[in-house]
């Protein structure tokens, strides 16, 4: 196996391993995490997302556990019709990613 093939194989395996780290959490598990105080309520997290884009409407939400961190993903549509993807730290509501969906 040449060096390029080895590098490609390691890179591909690393990418697959990284994808395997994220998992979607269901409603029951989310409710347990909220009740335990591990993550903020969906209402608080939605309010944090709307604060970033006043007047926007929430189209979809998802709670994931990624590399041991709880991430709340929110898809918004603002008053101008633009779609935004936000990622919030579900434990404190801090915005981790905020970009316009293309």
PDB file of N, CA and C in Angstrom:
ATOM      1  N   UNK A   1       0.857  -1.175   0.000  1.00  0.00           N
ATOM      2  CA  UNK A   1       0.000   0.000   0.000  1.00  0.00           C
ATOM      3  C   UNK A   1       0.903   1.238   0.000  1.00  0.00           C
ATOM      4  N   UNK A   2       0.680   2.123  -0.953  1.00  0.00           N
ATOM      5  CA  UNK A   2       1.529   3.311  -1.009  1.00  0.00           C
ATOM      6  C   UNK A   2       1.072   4.348   0.011  1.00  0.00           C
ATOM      7  N   UNK A   3       1.858   5.384   0.169  1.00  0.00           N
ATOM      8  CA  UNK A   3       1.601   6.404   1.192  1.00  0.00           C
ATOM      9  C   UNK A   3       0.276   7.126   0.950  1.00  0.00           C
ATOM     10  N   UNK A   4      -0.040   7.393  -0.313  1.00  0.00           N
ATOM     11  CA  UNK A   4      -1.291   8.082  -0.620  1.00  0.00           C
ATOM     12  C   UNK A   4      -2.494   7.235  -0.218  1.00  0.00           C
ATOM     13  N   UNK A   5      -2.447   5.956  -0.539  1.00  0.00           N
ATOM     14  CA  UNK A   5      -3.541   5.052  -0.198  1.00  0.00           C
ATOM     15  C   UNK A   5      -3.706   4.952   1.315  1.00  0.00           C
ATOM     16  N   UNK A   6      -2.606   4.886   2.043  1.00  0.00           N
ATOM     17  CA  UNK A   6      -2.672   4.841   3.503  1.00  0.00           C
ATOM     18  C   UNK A   6      -3.303   6.117   4.052  1.00  0.00           C
ATOM     19  N   UNK A   7      -2.866   7.262   3.534  1.00  0.00           N
ATOM     20  CA  UNK A   7      -3.398   8.543   3.998  1.00  0.00           C
ATOM     21  C   UNK A   7      -4.892   8.635   3.709  1.00  0.00           C
ATOM     22  N   UNK A   8      -5.302   8.225   2.511  1.00  0.00           N
ATOM     23  CA  UNK A   8      -6.712   8.255   2.157  1.00  0.00           C
ATOM     24  C   UNK A   8      -7.514   7.343   3.076  1.00  0.00           C
ATOM     25  N   UNK A   9      -7.012   6.162   3.356  1.00  0.00           N
ATOM     26  CA  UNK A   9      -7.718   5.210   4.219  1.00  0.00           C
ATOM     27  C   UNK A   9      -7.882   5.749   5.631  1.00  0.00           C
ATOM     28  N   UNK A  10      -6.832   6.339   6.182  1.00  0.00           N
ATOM     29  CA  UNK A  10      -6.889   6.902   7.531  1.00  0.00           C
ATOM     30  C   UNK A  10      -7.871   8.067   7.576  1.00  0.00           C
ATOM     31  N   UNK A  11      -7.841   8.923   6.554  1.00  0.00           N
ATOM     32  CA  UNK A  11      -8.750  10.063   6.498  1.00  0.00           C
ATOM     33  C   UNK A  11     -10.203   9.596   6.407  1.00  0.00           C
ATOM     34  N   UNK A  12     -10.461   8.617   5.578  1.00  0.00           N
ATOM     35  CA  UNK A  12     -11.828   8.100   5.421  1.00  0.00           C
ATOM     36  C   UNK A  12     -12.322   7.463   6.712  1.00  0.00           C
ATOM     37  N   UNK A  13     -11.478   6.694   7.372  1.00  0.00           N
ATOM     38  CA  UNK A  13     -11.866   6.071   8.635  1.00  0.00           C
ATOM     39  C   UNK A  13     -12.118   7.115   9.715  1.00  0.00           C
ATOM     40  N   UNK A  14     -11.320   8.156   9.738  1.00  0.00           N
ATOM     41  CA  UNK A  14     -11.513   9.227  10.718  1.00  0.00           C
ATOM     42  C   UNK A  14     -12.836   9.940  10.483  1.00  0.00           C
ATOM     43  N   UNK A  15     -13.176  10.170   9.228  1.00  0.00           N
ATOM     44  CA  UNK A  15     -14.446  10.836   8.908  1.00  0.00           C
ATOM     45  C   UNK A  15     -15.624   9.975   9.338  1.00  0.00           C
ATOM     46  N   UNK A  16     -15.558   8.685   9.075  1.00  0.00           N
ATOM     47  CA  UNK A  16     -16.633   7.777   9.474  1.00  0.00           C
ATOM     48  C   UNK A  16     -16.731   7.713  10.987  1.00  0.00           C
ATOM     49  N   UNK A  17     -15.609   7.666  11.678  1.00  0.00           N
ATOM     50  CA  UNK A  17     -15.624   7.620  13.145  1.00  0.00           C
ATOM     51  C   UNK A  17     -16.229   8.897  13.705  1.00  0.00           C
ATOM     52  N   UNK A  18     -15.948  10.041  13.088  1.00  0.00           N
ATOM     53  CA  UNK A  18     -16.508  11.299  13.543  1.00  0.00           C
ATOM     54  C   UNK A  18     -18.014  11.345  13.367  1.00  0.00           C
ATOM     55  N   UNK A  19     -18.509  10.787  12.261  1.00  0.00           N
ATOM     56  CA  UNK A  19     -19.950  10.752  12.047  1.00  0.00           C
ATOM     57  C   UNK A  19     -20.631   9.846  13.046  1.00  0.00           C
ATOM     58  N   UNK A  20     -19.966   8.802  13.445  1.00  0.00           N
ATOM     59  CA  UNK A  20     -20.560   7.856  14.375  1.00  0.00           C
ATOM     60  C   UNK A  20     -20.683   8.448  15.775  1.00  0.00           C
ATOM     61  N   UNK A  21     -20.009   9.546  16.037  1.00  0.00           N
ATOM     62  CA  UNK A  21     -20.024  10.155  17.353  1.00  0.00           C
ATOM     63  C   UNK A  21     -21.333  10.884  17.649  1.00  0.00           C
ATOM     64  N   UNK A  22     -22.052  11.331  16.616  1.00  0.00           N
ATOM     65  CA  UNK A  22     -23.279  12.109  16.826  1.00  0.00           C
ATOM     66  C   UNK A  22     -24.481  11.168  16.806  1.00  0.00           C
ATOM     67  N   UNK A  23     -25.416  11.415  17.742  1.00  0.00           N
ATOM     68  CA  UNK A  23     -26.650  10.631  17.724  1.00  0.00           C
ATOM     69  C   UNK A  23     -27.812  11.529  18.107  1.00  0.00           C
ATOM     70  N   UNK A  24     -28.917  11.316  17.411  1.00  0.00           N
ATOM     71  CA  UNK A  24     -30.140  12.067  17.695  1.00  0.00           C
ATOM     72  C   UNK A  24     -30.778  11.528  18.966  1.00  0.00           C
ATOM     73  N   UNK A  25     -31.319  12.437  19.765  1.00  0.00           N
ATOM     74  CA  UNK A  25     -31.994  12.054  20.994  1.00  0.00           C
ATOM     75  C   UNK A  25     -33.495  12.210  20.807  1.00  0.00           C
ATOM     76  N   UNK A  26     -34.235  11.227  21.271  1.00  0.00           N
ATOM     77  CA  UNK A  26     -35.681  11.255  21.150  1.00  0.00           C
ATOM     78  C   UNK A  26     -36.328  12.132  22.205  1.00  0.00           C
ATOM     79  N   UNK A  27     -37.635  12.275  22.095  1.00  0.00           N
ATOM     80  CA  UNK A  27     -38.406  13.132  23.005  1.00  0.00           C
ATOM     81  C   UNK A  27     -38.276  12.652  24.449  1.00  0.00           C
ATOM     82  N   UNK A  28     -38.407  11.360  24.677  1.00  0.00           N
ATOM     83  CA  UNK A  28     -38.325  10.831  26.048  1.00  0.00           C
ATOM     84  C   UNK A  28     -36.969  11.121  26.683  1.00  0.00           C
ATOM     85  N   UNK A  29     -35.907  10.879  25.937  1.00  0.00           N
ATOM     86  CA  UNK A  29     -34.568  11.116  26.470  1.00  0.00           C
ATOM     87  C   UNK A  29     -34.335  12.612  26.701  1.00  0.00           C
ATOM     88  N   UNK A  30     -34.841  13.434  25.793  1.00  0.00           N
ATOM     89  CA  UNK A  30     -34.716  14.885  25.950  1.00  0.00           C
ATOM     90  C   UNK A  30     -35.421  15.348  27.215  1.00  0.00           C
ATOM     91  N   UNK A  31     -36.626  14.857  27.450  1.00  0.00           N
ATOM     92  CA  UNK A  31     -37.385  15.237  28.644  1.00  0.00           C
ATOM     93  C   UNK A  31     -36.649  14.825  29.919  1.00  0.00           C
ATOM     94  N   UNK A  32     -36.023  13.669  29.907  1.00  0.00           N
ATOM     95  CA  UNK A  32     -35.247  13.221  31.070  1.00  0.00           C
ATOM     96  C   UNK A  32     -34.050  14.134  31.315  1.00  0.00           C
ATOM     97  N   UNK A  33     -33.373  14.536  30.248  1.00  0.00           N
ATOM     98  CA  UNK A  33     -32.215  15.430  30.381  1.00  0.00           C
ATOM     99  C   UNK A  33     -32.627  16.800  30.900  1.00  0.00           C
ATOM    100  N   UNK A  34     -33.781  17.293  30.451  1.00  0.00           N
ATOM    101  CA  UNK A  34     -34.293  18.580  30.933  1.00  0.00           C
ATOM    102  C   UNK A  34     -34.654  18.466  32.403  1.00  0.00           C
ATOM    103  N   UNK A  35     -35.367  17.398  32.771  1.00  0.00           N
ATOM    104  CA  UNK A  35     -35.782  17.199  34.166  1.00  0.00           C
ATOM    105  C   UNK A  35     -34.581  17.077  35.095  1.00  0.00           C
ATOM    106  N   UNK A  36     -33.499  16.485  34.614  1.00  0.00           N
ATOM    107  CA  UNK A  36     -32.289  16.326  35.421  1.00  0.00           C
ATOM    108  C   UNK A  36     -31.451  17.602  35.468  1.00  0.00           C
ATOM    109  N   UNK A  37     -31.817  18.595  34.648  1.00  0.00           N
ATOM    110  CA  UNK A  37     -31.050  19.835  34.608  1.00  0.00           C
ATOM    111  C   UNK A  37     -29.793  19.740  33.756  1.00  0.00           C
ATOM    112  N   UNK A  38     -29.678  18.678  32.971  1.00  0.00           N
ATOM    113  CA  UNK A  38     -28.502  18.480  32.123  1.00  0.00           C
ATOM    114  C   UNK A  38     -28.524  19.424  30.927  1.00  0.00           C
ATOM    115  N   UNK A  39     -29.711  19.613  30.349  1.00  0.00           N
ATOM    116  CA  UNK A  39     -29.871  20.541  29.225  1.00  0.00           C
ATOM    117  C   UNK A  39     -31.000  21.515  29.550  1.00  0.00           C
ATOM    118  N   UNK A  40     -30.991  22.644  28.866  1.00  0.00           N
ATOM    119  CA  UNK A  40     -32.056  23.634  29.051  1.00  0.00           C
ATOM    120  C   UNK A  40     -33.329  23.154  28.373  1.00  0.00           C
ATOM    121  N   UNK A  41     -34.436  23.736  28.768  1.00  0.00           N
ATOM    122  CA  UNK A  41     -35.712  23.372  28.166  1.00  0.00           C
ATOM    123  C   UNK A  41     -35.734  23.790  26.698  1.00  0.00           C
ATOM    124  N   UNK A  42     -36.560  23.095  25.940  1.00  0.00           N
ATOM    125  CA  UNK A  42     -36.728  23.414  24.532  1.00  0.00           C
ATOM    126  C   UNK A  42     -37.214  24.857  24.378  1.00  0.00           C
ATOM    127  N   UNK A  43     -38.075  25.299  25.266  1.00  0.00           N
ATOM    128  CA  UNK A  43     -38.586  26.672  25.196  1.00  0.00           C
ATOM    129  C   UNK A  43     -37.465  27.696  25.351  1.00  0.00           C
ATOM    130  N   UNK A  44     -36.570  27.466  26.295  1.00  0.00           N
ATOM    131  CA  UNK A  44     -35.438  28.390  26.483  1.00  0.00           C
ATOM    132  C   UNK A  44     -34.504  28.372  25.281  1.00  0.00           C
ATOM    133  N   UNK A  45     -34.236  27.189  24.753  1.00  0.00           N
ATOM    134  CA  UNK A  45     -33.343  27.077  23.605  1.00  0.00           C
ATOM    135  C   UNK A  45     -33.964  27.712  22.369  1.00  0.00           C
ATOM    136  N   UNK A  46     -35.270  27.514  22.186  1.00  0.00           N
ATOM    137  CA  UNK A  46     -35.957  28.161  21.060  1.00  0.00           C
ATOM    138  C   UNK A  46     -35.920  29.679  21.208  1.00  0.00           C
ATOM    139  N   UNK A  47     -36.105  30.175  22.431  1.00  0.00           N
ATOM    140  CA  UNK A  47     -36.053  31.623  22.679  1.00  0.00           C
ATOM    141  C   UNK A  47     -34.674  32.175  22.347  1.00  0.00           C
ATOM    142  N   UNK A  48     -33.617  31.428  22.675  1.00  0.00           N
ATOM    143  CA  UNK A  48     -32.253  31.867  22.356  1.00  0.00           C
ATOM    144  C   UNK A  48     -32.051  31.938  20.841  1.00  0.00           C
ATOM    145  N   UNK A  49     -32.630  30.984  20.124  1.00  0.00           N
ATOM    146  CA  UNK A  49     -32.516  30.991  18.662  1.00  0.00           C
ATOM    147  C   UNK A  49     -33.270  32.182  18.066  1.00  0.00           C
ATOM    148  N   UNK A  50     -34.483  32.421  18.550  1.00  0.00           N
ATOM    149  CA  UNK A  50     -35.287  33.547  18.055  1.00  0.00           C
ATOM    150  C   UNK A  50     -34.627  34.883  18.404  1.00  0.00           C
ATOM    151  N   UNK A  51     -33.955  34.950  19.547  1.00  0.00           N
ATOM    152  CA  UNK A  51     -33.242  36.169  19.936  1.00  0.00           C
ATOM    153  C   UNK A  51     -32.200  36.543  18.884  1.00  0.00           C
ATOM    154  N   UNK A  52     -31.545  35.539  18.298  1.00  0.00           N
ATOM    155  CA  UNK A  52     -30.546  35.794  17.253  1.00  0.00           C
ATOM    156  C   UNK A  52     -31.191  36.283  15.964  1.00  0.00           C
ATOM    157  N   UNK A  53     -32.430  35.869  15.723  1.00  0.00           N
ATOM    158  CA  UNK A  53     -33.134  36.238  14.489  1.00  0.00           C
ATOM    159  C   UNK A  53     -34.560  36.644  14.841  1.00  0.00           C
ATOM    160  N   UNK A  54     -34.720  37.858  15.379  1.00  0.00           N
ATOM    161  CA  UNK A  54     -36.052  38.311  15.792  1.00  0.00           C
ATOM    162  C   UNK A  54     -37.066  38.239  14.642  1.00  0.00           C
ATOM    163  N   UNK A  55     -38.248  37.756  14.961  1.00  0.00           N
ATOM    164  CA  UNK A  55     -39.305  37.646  13.965  1.00  0.00           C
ATOM    165  C   UNK A  55     -39.244  36.371  13.138  1.00  0.00           C
ATOM    166  N   UNK A  56     -38.220  35.565  13.340  1.00  0.00           N
ATOM    167  CA  UNK A  56     -38.090  34.324  12.588  1.00  0.00           C
ATOM    168  C   UNK A  56     -39.053  33.274  13.141  1.00  0.00           C
ATOM    169  N   UNK A  57     -39.330  32.275  12.320  1.00  0.00           N
ATOM    170  CA  UNK A  57     -40.133  31.144  12.765  1.00  0.00           C
ATOM    171  C   UNK A  57     -39.269  29.892  12.747  1.00  0.00           C
ATOM    172  N   UNK A  58     -39.503  29.047  13.722  1.00  0.00           N
ATOM    173  CA  UNK A  58     -38.748  27.795  13.826  1.00  0.00           C
ATOM    174  C   UNK A  58     -39.403  26.757  12.939  1.00  0.00           C
ATOM    175  N   UNK A  59     -38.606  26.141  12.075  1.00  0.00           N
ATOM    176  CA  UNK A  59     -39.126  25.137  11.154  1.00  0.00           C
ATOM    177  C   UNK A  59     -38.830  23.720  11.626  1.00  0.00           C
ATOM    178  N   UNK A  60     -37.683  23.535  12.280  1.00  0.00           N
ATOM    179  CA  UNK A  60     -37.302  22.186  12.726  1.00  0.00           C
ATOM    180  C   UNK A  60     -36.277  22.301  13.838  1.00  0.00           C
ATOM    181  N   UNK A  61     -36.343  21.382  14.775  1.00  0.00           N
ATOM    182  CA  UNK A  61     -35.360  21.327  15.855  1.00  0.00           C
ATOM    183  C   UNK A  61     -34.909  19.888  16.053  1.00  0.00           C
ATOM    184  N   UNK A  62     -33.737  19.735  16.654  1.00  0.00           N
ATOM    185  CA  UNK A  62     -33.192  18.410  16.906  1.00  0.00           C
ATOM    186  C   UNK A  62     -32.166  18.515  18.019  1.00  0.00           C
ATOM    187  N   UNK A  63     -32.224  17.596  18.954  1.00  0.00           N
ATOM    188  CA  UNK A  63     -31.207  17.522  20.004  1.00  0.00           C
ATOM    189  C   UNK A  63     -30.313  16.342  19.700  1.00  0.00           C
ATOM    190  N   UNK A  64     -29.007  16.585  19.679  1.00  0.00           N
ATOM    191  CA  UNK A  64     -28.023  15.542  19.418  1.00  0.00           C
ATOM    192  C   UNK A  64     -26.985  15.518  20.516  1.00  0.00           C
ATOM    193  N   UNK A  65     -26.398  14.358  20.685  1.00  0.00           N
ATOM    194  CA  UNK A  65     -25.220  14.244  21.530  1.00  0.00           C
ATOM    195  C   UNK A  65     -24.058  13.975  20.591  1.00  0.00           C
ATOM    196  N   UNK A  66     -23.109  14.891  20.605  1.00  0.00           N
ATOM    197  CA  UNK A  66     -21.984  14.832  19.682  1.00  0.00           C
ATOM    198  C   UNK A  66     -20.693  14.963  20.459  1.00  0.00           C
ATOM    199  N   UNK A  67     -19.890  13.913  20.439  1.00  0.00           N
ATOM    200  CA  UNK A  67     -18.621  13.907  21.166  1.00  0.00           C
ATOM    201  C   UNK A  67     -18.803  14.298  22.628  1.00  0.00           C
ATOM    202  N   UNK A  68     -19.879  13.794  23.236  1.00  0.00           N
ATOM    203  CA  UNK A  68     -20.139  14.050  24.646  1.00  0.00           C
ATOM    204  C   UNK A  68     -20.802  15.383  24.937  1.00  0.00           C
ATOM    205  N   UNK A  69     -21.057  16.191  23.917  1.00  0.00           N
ATOM    206  CA  UNK A  69     -21.682  17.507  24.089  1.00  0.00           C
ATOM    207  C   UNK A  69     -23.105  17.449  23.541  1.00  0.00           C
ATOM    208  N   UNK A  70     -24.033  18.096  24.252  1.00  0.00           N
ATOM    209  CA  UNK A  70     -25.413  18.164  23.789  1.00  0.00           C
ATOM    210  C   UNK A  70     -25.579  19.393  22.913  1.00  0.00           C
ATOM    211  N   UNK A  71     -25.994  19.166  21.667  1.00  0.00           N
ATOM    212  CA  UNK A  71     -26.140  20.218  20.668  1.00  0.00           C
ATOM    213  C   UNK A  71     -27.604  20.288  20.253  1.00  0.00           C
ATOM    214  N   UNK A  72     -28.157  21.489  20.314  1.00  0.00           N
ATOM    215  CA  UNK A  72     -29.531  21.724  19.886  1.00  0.00           C
ATOM    216  C   UNK A  72     -29.470  22.405  18.531  1.00  0.00           C
ATOM    217  N   UNK A  73     -29.973  21.734  17.506  1.00  0.00           N
ATOM    218  CA  UNK A  73     -29.956  22.268  16.151  1.00  0.00           C
ATOM    219  C   UNK A  73     -31.324  22.852  15.823  1.00  0.00           C
ATOM    220  N   UNK A  74     -31.319  24.054  15.263  1.00  0.00           N
ATOM    221  CA  UNK A  74     -32.556  24.763  14.957  1.00  0.00           C
ATOM    222  C   UNK A  74     -32.491  25.284  13.526  1.00  0.00           C
ATOM    223  N   UNK A  75     -33.540  25.000  12.754  1.00  0.00           N
ATOM    224  CA  UNK A  75     -33.701  25.578  11.421  1.00  0.00           C
ATOM    225  C   UNK A  75     -34.747  26.672  11.532  1.00  0.00           C
ATOM    226  N   UNK A  76     -34.382  27.886  11.114  1.00  0.00           N
ATOM    227  CA  UNK A  76     -35.269  29.053  11.194  1.00  0.00           C
ATOM    228  C   UNK A  76     -35.501  29.649   9.817  1.00  0.00           C
ATOM    229  N   UNK A  77     -36.633  30.327   9.677  1.00  0.00           N
ATOM    230  CA  UNK A  77     -36.873  31.152   8.498  1.00  0.00           C
ATOM    231  C   UNK A  77     -37.173  32.556   8.998  1.00  0.00           C
ATOM    232  N   UNK A  78     -36.361  33.537   8.541  1.00  0.00           N
ATOM    233  CA  UNK A  78     -36.534  34.902   9.037  1.00  0.00           C
ATOM    234  C   UNK A  78     -37.641  35.634   8.276  1.00  0.00           C
ATOM    235  N   UNK A  79     -37.895  36.867   8.685  1.00  0.00           N
ATOM    236  CA  UNK A  79     -38.989  37.660   8.109  1.00  0.00           C
ATOM    237  C   UNK A  79     -38.789  37.927   6.616  1.00  0.00           C
ATOM    238  N   UNK A  80     -37.557  37.881   6.137  1.00  0.00           N
ATOM    239  CA  UNK A  80     -37.264  38.088   4.720  1.00  0.00           C
ATOM    240  C   UNK A  80     -37.340  36.784   3.919  1.00  0.00           C
ATOM    241  N   UNK A  81     -37.637  35.674   4.608  1.00  0.00           N
ATOM    242  CA  UNK A  81     -37.744  34.381   3.931  1.00  0.00           C
ATOM    243  C   UNK A  81     -36.446  33.605   3.854  1.00  0.00           C
ATOM    244  N   UNK A  82     -35.378  34.136   4.462  1.00  0.00           N
ATOM    245  CA  UNK A  82     -34.089  33.444   4.447  1.00  0.00           C
ATOM    246  C   UNK A  82     -34.076  32.346   5.509  1.00  0.00           C
ATOM    247  N   UNK A  83     -33.456  31.232   5.165  1.00  0.00           N
ATOM    248  CA  UNK A  83     -33.364  30.126   6.113  1.00  0.00           C
ATOM    249  C   UNK A  83     -32.008  30.140   6.810  1.00  0.00           C
ATOM    250  N   UNK A  84     -32.038  29.891   8.119  1.00  0.00           N
ATOM    251  CA  UNK A  84     -30.838  29.908   8.953  1.00  0.00           C
ATOM    252  C   UNK A  84     -30.712  28.585   9.692  1.00  0.00           C
ATOM    253  N   UNK A  85     -29.474  28.116   9.816  1.00  0.00           N
ATOM    254  CA  UNK A  85     -29.163  26.933  10.615  1.00  0.00           C
ATOM    255  C   UNK A  85     -28.369  27.391  11.829  1.00  0.00           C
ATOM    256  N   UNK A  86     -28.892  27.086  12.999  1.00  0.00           N
ATOM    257  CA  UNK A  86     -28.205  27.425  14.243  1.00  0.00           C
ATOM    258  C   UNK A  86     -27.892  26.152  15.000  1.00  0.00           C
ATOM    259  N   UNK A  87     -26.777  26.169  15.707  1.00  0.00           N
ATOM    260  CA  UNK A  87     -26.443  25.123  16.660  1.00  0.00           C
ATOM    261  C   UNK A  87     -26.188  25.812  17.986  1.00  0.00           C
ATOM    262  N   UNK A  88     -26.846  25.322  19.025  1.00  0.00           N
ATOM    263  CA  UNK A  88     -26.705  25.878  20.363  1.00  0.00           C
ATOM    264  C   UNK A  88     -26.162  24.812  21.293  1.00  0.00           C
ATOM    265  N   UNK A  89     -25.343  25.232  22.242  1.00  0.00           N
ATOM    266  CA  UNK A  89     -24.948  24.342  23.319  1.00  0.00           C
ATOM    267  C   UNK A  89     -26.200  24.161  24.174  1.00  0.00           C
ATOM    268  N   UNK A  90     -26.711  22.953  24.238  1.00  0.00           N
ATOM    269  CA  UNK A  90     -27.990  22.707  24.918  1.00  0.00           C
ATOM    270  C   UNK A  90     -27.892  22.862  26.430  1.00  0.00           C
ATOM    271  N   UNK A  91     -26.684  22.911  26.969  1.00  0.00           N
ATOM    272  CA  UNK A  91     -26.545  23.055  28.420  1.00  0.00           C
ATOM    273  C   UNK A  91     -26.654  24.501  28.866  1.00  0.00           C
ATOM    274  N   UNK A  92     -26.306  25.448  27.963  1.00  0.00           N
ATOM    275  CA  UNK A  92     -26.317  26.856  28.382  1.00  0.00           C
ATOM    276  C   UNK A  92     -26.935  27.818  27.366  1.00  0.00           C
ATOM    277  N   UNK A  93     -27.326  27.325  26.202  1.00  0.00           N
ATOM    278  CA  UNK A  93     -27.950  28.161  25.184  1.00  0.00           C
ATOM    279  C   UNK A  93     -26.998  28.986  24.347  1.00  0.00           C
ATOM    280  N   UNK A  94     -25.698  28.826  24.533  1.00  0.00           N
ATOM    281  CA  UNK A  94     -24.710  29.590  23.767  1.00  0.00           C
ATOM    282  C   UNK A  94     -24.752  29.166  22.297  1.00  0.00           C
ATOM    283  N   UNK A  95     -24.758  30.164  21.414  1.00  0.00           N
ATOM    284  CA  UNK A  95     -24.784  29.887  19.973  1.00  0.00           C
ATOM    285  C   UNK A  95     -23.394  29.417  19.533  1.00  0.00           C
ATOM    286  N   UNK A  96     -23.355  28.229  18.959  1.00  0.00           N
ATOM    287  CA  UNK A  96     -22.099  27.655  18.483  1.00  0.00           C
ATOM    288  C   UNK A  96     -21.913  27.893  16.988  1.00  0.00           C
ATOM    289  N   UNK A  97     -23.036  27.891  16.272  1.00  0.00           N
ATOM    290  CA  UNK A  97     -22.967  28.078  14.819  1.00  0.00           C
ATOM    291  C   UNK A  97     -24.240  28.806  14.398  1.00  0.00           C
ATOM    292  N   UNK A  98     -24.094  29.749  13.495  1.00  0.00           N
ATOM    293  CA  UNK A  98     -25.216  30.521  12.982  1.00  0.00           C
ATOM    294  C   UNK A  98     -24.888  30.871  11.543  1.00  0.00           C
ATOM    295  N   UNK A  99     -25.465  30.141  10.595  1.00  0.00           N
ATOM    296  CA  UNK A  99     -25.171  30.467   9.212  1.00  0.00           C
ATOM    297  C   UNK A  99     -26.428  30.355   8.355  1.00  0.00           C
ATOM    298  N   UNK A 100     -26.419  31.139   7.299  1.00  0.00           N
ATOM    299  CA  UNK A 100     -27.544  31.135   6.368  1.00  0.00           C
ATOM    300  C   UNK A 100     -27.476  29.886   5.521  1.00  0.00           C
ATOM    301  N   UNK A 101     -28.612  29.215   5.424  1.00  0.00           N
ATOM    302  CA  UNK A 101     -28.709  28.010   4.606  1.00  0.00           C
ATOM    303  C   UNK A 101     -28.821  28.447   3.149  1.00  0.00           C
ATOM    304  N   UNK A 102     -28.074  27.781   2.298  1.00  0.00           N
ATOM    305  CA  UNK A 102     -28.102  28.151   0.877  1.00  0.00           C
ATOM    306  C   UNK A 102     -28.910  27.183   0.064  1.00  0.00           C
TER     307      UNK A 102
END
